[in-house]
Protein backbone atom coordinates (compact mmCIF):
# COMPACT_ATOMS: atom_id res chain seq x y z
CA MET A 1 -34.27 38.54 35.81
CA ASN A 2 -31.29 37.39 34.30
CA LEU A 3 -31.30 34.46 31.43
CA THR A 4 -29.98 31.66 33.99
CA GLN A 5 -32.89 32.62 36.09
CA ALA A 6 -35.36 31.62 33.68
CA ILE A 7 -34.15 28.22 32.86
CA PRO A 8 -35.18 25.28 34.95
CA ALA A 9 -32.97 24.90 38.12
CA PRO A 10 -31.26 21.45 37.20
CA TRP A 11 -30.20 23.19 34.04
CA GLN A 12 -28.83 26.66 35.38
CA GLY A 13 -25.13 25.52 35.83
CA VAL A 14 -24.68 24.27 32.15
CA ALA A 15 -26.56 27.50 31.11
CA GLU A 16 -23.75 29.62 33.15
CA PHE A 17 -21.19 27.11 31.95
CA LEU A 18 -22.12 28.36 28.31
CA ILE A 19 -22.62 32.00 29.16
CA LYS A 20 -18.95 32.08 30.62
CA GLY A 21 -17.33 30.37 27.82
CA GLY A 22 -18.51 32.66 25.16
CA PRO A 23 -19.56 32.20 21.85
CA ALA A 24 -17.22 29.59 21.48
CA MET A 25 -18.43 27.43 24.32
CA TRP A 26 -21.70 27.57 22.36
CA ALA A 27 -20.02 26.45 19.16
CA ILE A 28 -18.36 23.47 21.13
CA ALA A 29 -21.78 22.66 22.64
CA LEU A 30 -23.29 22.29 18.87
CA LEU A 31 -20.46 20.09 18.18
CA SER A 32 -21.14 17.97 21.29
CA VAL A 33 -24.52 17.31 20.42
CA LEU A 34 -24.00 16.72 16.85
CA THR A 35 -21.13 14.04 17.68
CA LEU A 36 -23.27 12.34 19.83
CA ALA A 37 -25.97 12.28 17.20
CA LEU A 38 -23.74 10.98 14.51
CA ILE A 39 -22.34 8.02 17.01
CA LEU A 40 -25.90 6.88 18.07
CA GLY A 41 -26.84 7.12 14.37
CA LYS A 42 -24.08 5.24 12.97
CA LEU A 43 -24.35 2.54 15.82
CA TRP A 44 -28.25 2.05 14.77
CA GLN A 45 -27.48 2.05 10.66
CA LEU A 46 -24.45 -1.01 11.76
CA LEU A 47 -27.17 -2.82 13.85
CA ARG A 48 -30.09 -2.65 11.61
CA TRP A 49 -27.39 -3.82 8.56
CA GLY A 50 -26.08 -6.74 10.71
CA ALA A 51 -22.71 -5.38 9.85
CA TRP A 52 -21.46 -7.93 12.77
CA ARG A 53 -23.48 -10.45 11.56
CA ARG A 54 -20.88 -13.01 9.10
CA GLY A 55 -22.37 -16.75 9.88
CA THR A 56 -25.38 -16.76 7.25
CA ALA A 57 -22.23 -15.23 4.49
CA LEU A 58 -19.84 -18.11 5.40
CA ARG A 59 -22.49 -20.85 5.28
CA ALA A 60 -23.33 -19.47 1.80
CA THR A 61 -20.03 -19.68 0.59
CA ALA A 62 -19.35 -23.19 2.07
CA LEU A 63 -22.44 -24.17 -0.17
CA TRP A 64 -20.69 -22.59 -3.01
CA GLN A 65 -17.48 -24.43 -2.67
CA GLN A 66 -19.61 -27.56 -2.80
CA ASN A 67 -21.18 -26.50 -6.17
CA ARG A 68 -24.37 -26.04 -4.77
CA PRO A 69 -24.94 -22.39 -6.41
CA ASP A 70 -28.65 -22.60 -6.03
CA ALA A 71 -28.74 -23.20 -2.52
CA ALA A 72 -26.35 -20.83 -1.58
CA GLN A 73 -27.85 -17.86 -3.68
CA ALA A 74 -31.55 -18.71 -1.97
CA MET A 75 -29.71 -18.73 1.37
CA LEU A 76 -28.26 -15.00 0.82
CA ALA A 77 -31.79 -13.83 -0.63
CA GLY A 78 -33.26 -10.79 1.02
CA ARG A 79 -30.06 -10.60 3.65
CA ARG A 80 -29.28 -6.72 4.57
CA SER A 81 -25.82 -7.24 6.00
CA PRO A 82 -22.91 -6.00 3.90
CA LEU A 83 -21.17 -9.60 3.51
CA ALA A 84 -24.29 -11.07 2.74
CA ARG A 85 -25.32 -8.55 0.01
CA LEU A 86 -21.82 -8.45 -1.03
CA ALA A 87 -21.56 -12.64 -1.62
CA LEU A 88 -24.70 -12.50 -3.53
CA ALA A 89 -23.48 -9.87 -5.57
CA ALA A 90 -20.20 -12.26 -6.67
CA MET A 91 -22.37 -15.48 -7.26
CA GLN A 92 -24.56 -13.58 -9.31
CA ALA A 93 -21.48 -12.36 -11.41
CA ALA A 94 -19.66 -15.74 -11.37
CA ARG A 95 -22.64 -17.20 -12.86
CA THR A 96 -22.94 -14.51 -15.56
CA THR A 97 -21.34 -15.79 -18.72
CA ARG A 98 -20.96 -12.86 -20.49
CA PHE A 99 -18.27 -11.23 -18.52
CA SER A 100 -14.85 -12.46 -18.37
CA PRO A 101 -13.37 -13.23 -15.23
CA ASP A 102 -11.88 -9.54 -14.89
CA GLU A 103 -15.19 -7.99 -15.65
CA ARG A 104 -16.62 -10.15 -12.97
CA ARG A 105 -14.11 -8.73 -10.36
CA GLU A 106 -14.08 -5.57 -11.27
CA ASP A 107 -18.20 -5.74 -11.24
CA VAL A 108 -17.77 -6.89 -7.69
CA THR A 109 -15.14 -4.61 -6.42
CA ARG A 110 -17.78 -1.94 -7.59
CA VAL A 111 -20.29 -3.17 -5.38
CA ALA A 112 -17.98 -3.47 -2.34
CA ARG A 113 -16.91 -0.03 -2.66
CA ASN A 114 -20.52 1.28 -2.62
CA LEU A 115 -20.97 -0.87 0.23
CA LEU A 116 -18.25 0.45 2.32
CA ALA A 117 -19.28 3.94 1.22
CA GLU A 118 -22.42 3.36 2.59
CA ALA A 119 -21.16 1.73 5.71
CA THR A 120 -18.74 4.94 6.39
CA SER A 121 -20.92 7.36 5.36
CA GLY A 122 -20.71 10.51 7.96
CA LEU A 123 -17.55 9.72 9.20
CA ARG A 124 -15.89 12.55 7.46
CA ILE A 125 -17.96 14.75 9.39
CA LEU A 126 -16.86 13.39 12.63
CA GLU A 127 -13.22 13.34 11.66
CA LEU A 128 -13.81 17.17 11.06
CA ILE A 129 -15.13 17.23 14.52
CA ALA A 130 -12.55 15.59 16.29
CA THR A 131 -9.91 18.27 14.45
CA ILE A 132 -11.75 21.67 14.69
CA ALA A 133 -13.48 21.37 18.61
CA PRO A 134 -9.80 21.70 20.07
CA LEU A 135 -9.32 24.83 17.86
CA LEU A 136 -12.49 26.25 18.91
CA GLY A 137 -11.30 25.93 22.25
CA LEU A 138 -7.70 27.82 22.07
CA LEU A 139 -9.65 29.94 19.93
CA GLY A 140 -11.88 30.71 23.21
CA THR A 141 -9.64 30.75 25.04
CA VAL A 142 -7.28 33.24 23.59
CA LEU A 143 -10.20 35.55 23.15
CA GLY A 144 -11.38 35.21 26.81
CA MET A 145 -6.97 36.14 27.40
CA ILE A 146 -7.60 39.24 25.57
CA THR A 147 -10.61 40.15 27.59
CA ALA A 148 -9.05 39.58 30.76
CA PHE A 149 -5.87 41.71 29.97
CA GLN A 150 -7.89 44.59 28.59
CA THR A 151 -9.65 44.54 31.97
CA LEU A 152 -6.30 44.63 33.64
CA GLN A 153 -5.39 47.34 31.38
CA ASN A 154 -8.70 49.73 32.21
CA SER A 155 -7.89 48.91 35.93
CA GLY A 156 -4.64 50.72 36.19
CA SER A 157 -3.51 50.81 39.17
CA GLN A 158 -6.03 49.39 41.08
CA VAL A 159 -5.48 45.62 39.73
CA ASP A 160 -7.32 43.01 41.47
CA PRO A 161 -5.90 39.67 41.16
CA ALA A 162 -8.67 37.85 41.91
CA GLN A 163 -10.78 39.21 38.70
CA LEU A 164 -7.67 38.68 36.62
CA ALA A 165 -7.94 34.82 37.63
CA GLY A 166 -11.57 34.72 37.54
CA GLY A 167 -10.99 35.60 33.67
CA ILE A 168 -8.32 33.49 32.97
CA TRP A 169 -10.21 30.19 34.43
CA GLU A 170 -12.85 31.13 32.12
CA ALA A 171 -11.15 31.67 29.41
CA LEU A 172 -9.28 27.89 29.75
CA LEU A 173 -13.05 26.52 30.10
CA THR A 174 -13.05 26.60 26.46
CA THR A 175 -10.27 24.54 25.66
CA ALA A 176 -11.41 22.02 28.15
CA ALA A 177 -14.67 21.61 26.51
CA GLY A 178 -13.18 21.27 23.09
CA MET A 179 -10.81 18.81 24.27
CA ALA A 180 -13.71 17.11 26.25
CA VAL A 181 -15.50 16.70 22.39
CA ALA A 182 -12.56 15.79 20.55
CA ILE A 183 -11.66 13.09 22.07
CA PRO A 184 -14.74 10.70 22.12
CA ALA A 185 -15.36 11.89 18.60
CA SER A 186 -11.50 10.71 17.87
CA MET A 187 -12.43 7.55 19.59
CA ALA A 188 -15.44 6.63 17.86
CA LEU A 189 -13.62 7.66 14.68
CA SER A 190 -10.70 5.24 15.15
CA TRP A 191 -13.06 2.10 16.23
CA PHE A 192 -15.57 2.80 13.34
CA GLU A 193 -12.41 3.03 10.64
CA SER A 194 -11.53 -0.55 12.21
CA LEU A 195 -15.30 -1.42 11.69
CA ARG A 196 -14.81 -0.67 7.96
CA ASP A 197 -10.92 -2.33 7.26
CA ASP A 198 -12.55 -5.50 9.13
CA LEU A 199 -15.50 -5.49 6.71
CA ALA A 200 -13.31 -4.62 3.59
CA ARG A 201 -11.04 -7.41 4.70
CA ASP A 202 -14.21 -9.82 5.03
CA MET A 203 -15.44 -8.81 1.63
CA GLU A 204 -12.09 -9.67 -0.02
CA ASP A 205 -12.03 -12.94 1.44
CA LEU A 206 -15.73 -14.05 0.57
CA ALA A 207 -15.46 -12.73 -3.26
CA THR A 208 -11.89 -14.59 -3.91
CA ARG A 209 -13.58 -17.43 -2.54
CA ILE A 210 -16.49 -17.25 -4.85
CA LEU A 211 -14.63 -16.27 -7.99
CA LEU A 212 -12.34 -18.52 -7.95
CA ASN A 213 -14.78 -21.86 -7.51
CA PRO A 214 -17.31 -21.16 -10.22
CA PRO A 215 -20.41 -23.56 -10.54
CA ARG A 216 -19.07 -26.70 -12.24
CA ASN A 217 -22.54 -27.50 -13.74
CA ASP A 218 -24.28 -23.81 -13.58
CA GLY A 219 -28.38 -24.18 -12.77
CA ASN A 220 -27.80 -27.50 -10.56
CA ASP A 221 -27.07 -28.05 -6.90
CA GLY A 222 -25.04 -30.76 -5.45
CA THR A 223 -27.76 -32.83 -5.19
CA LYS A 224 -29.22 -32.71 -8.78
CA ARG A 225 -25.29 -33.05 -10.39
CA ASP A 226 -25.33 -36.43 -8.44
CA GLY A 227 -28.65 -37.77 -9.73
CA GLN A 228 -27.34 -37.02 -13.23
CA GLN A 229 -24.28 -38.80 -12.66
CA GLN A 230 -26.22 -41.58 -11.50
CA ALA A 231 -28.62 -41.37 -14.55
CA ASP A 232 -25.87 -41.30 -17.03
CA HIS A 233 -24.03 -44.20 -15.50
CA ARG A 234 -26.87 -46.24 -16.41
CA THR A 235 -27.18 -44.89 -19.52
CA GLU A 236 -23.84 -45.66 -20.53
CA THR A 237 -24.43 -49.37 -18.69
CA GLY A 238 -27.24 -50.15 -20.67
CA ALA A 239 -25.62 -48.60 -24.06
CA GLU A 240 -22.77 -51.52 -23.27
CA THR A 241 -24.75 -54.21 -22.89
CA GLY A 242 -27.47 -53.28 -25.35
CA ALA A 243 -30.69 -53.03 -22.92
CA PRO A 244 -32.45 -50.15 -23.05
CA PRO A 245 -31.60 -47.37 -20.62
CA GLY A 246 -34.41 -48.27 -18.38
CA ALA A 247 -34.13 -51.74 -17.69
CA GLU A 248 -32.69 -53.43 -15.07
CA GLN A 249 -29.84 -55.44 -15.37
CA CYS A 250 -30.87 -59.03 -13.85
């Protein structure tokens, strides 16, 4: 009993395909499994992160621009999306008085780099697979052609064209398999890189809007600031009329 007979019937065709392709086909099959795992893992990571969620970060930035820093930071606290984490880091840096403007921007840039590196982890491996899968396919084809022509040479004058053709098409299987792995890997890589570029652009936009609008009265939101201004106005009015600050004007 050969190897293919020991494999369940639904998988016998796959096993024969791998055996005909030789060692290069097995390597390409492993790359295809790794490619699928990388793509699904990266999608799961981005979904778990909420990489497409921009609403919370945008609303918090709007509150920040309205000079309500406490409310803005409270909205972002505990959020896992990259934009929310970047916006919170920018707000914290903007409220740190010991930093100069350049130091604040440098600190926010450091956080953004770390978030982008985390978001793009694993893409180098996907890029490597997209590069070497066709080369492995070509290598398998060359090795298969060498074997086919060795068989032709050993046959001497008794050449069987069908045998030669069979050896050639089996050799070409690895080229097709390598391209079948490389094409989806390249497409997924391009899509993930476009997501990274969009994320970097949104991060830069939010960080700029936050750092260019520092809170005018740190520690108070807009409601508290308005109440303080009204209290100051009553105090000034009382001082001008000679009445105590808490007295009402008749």
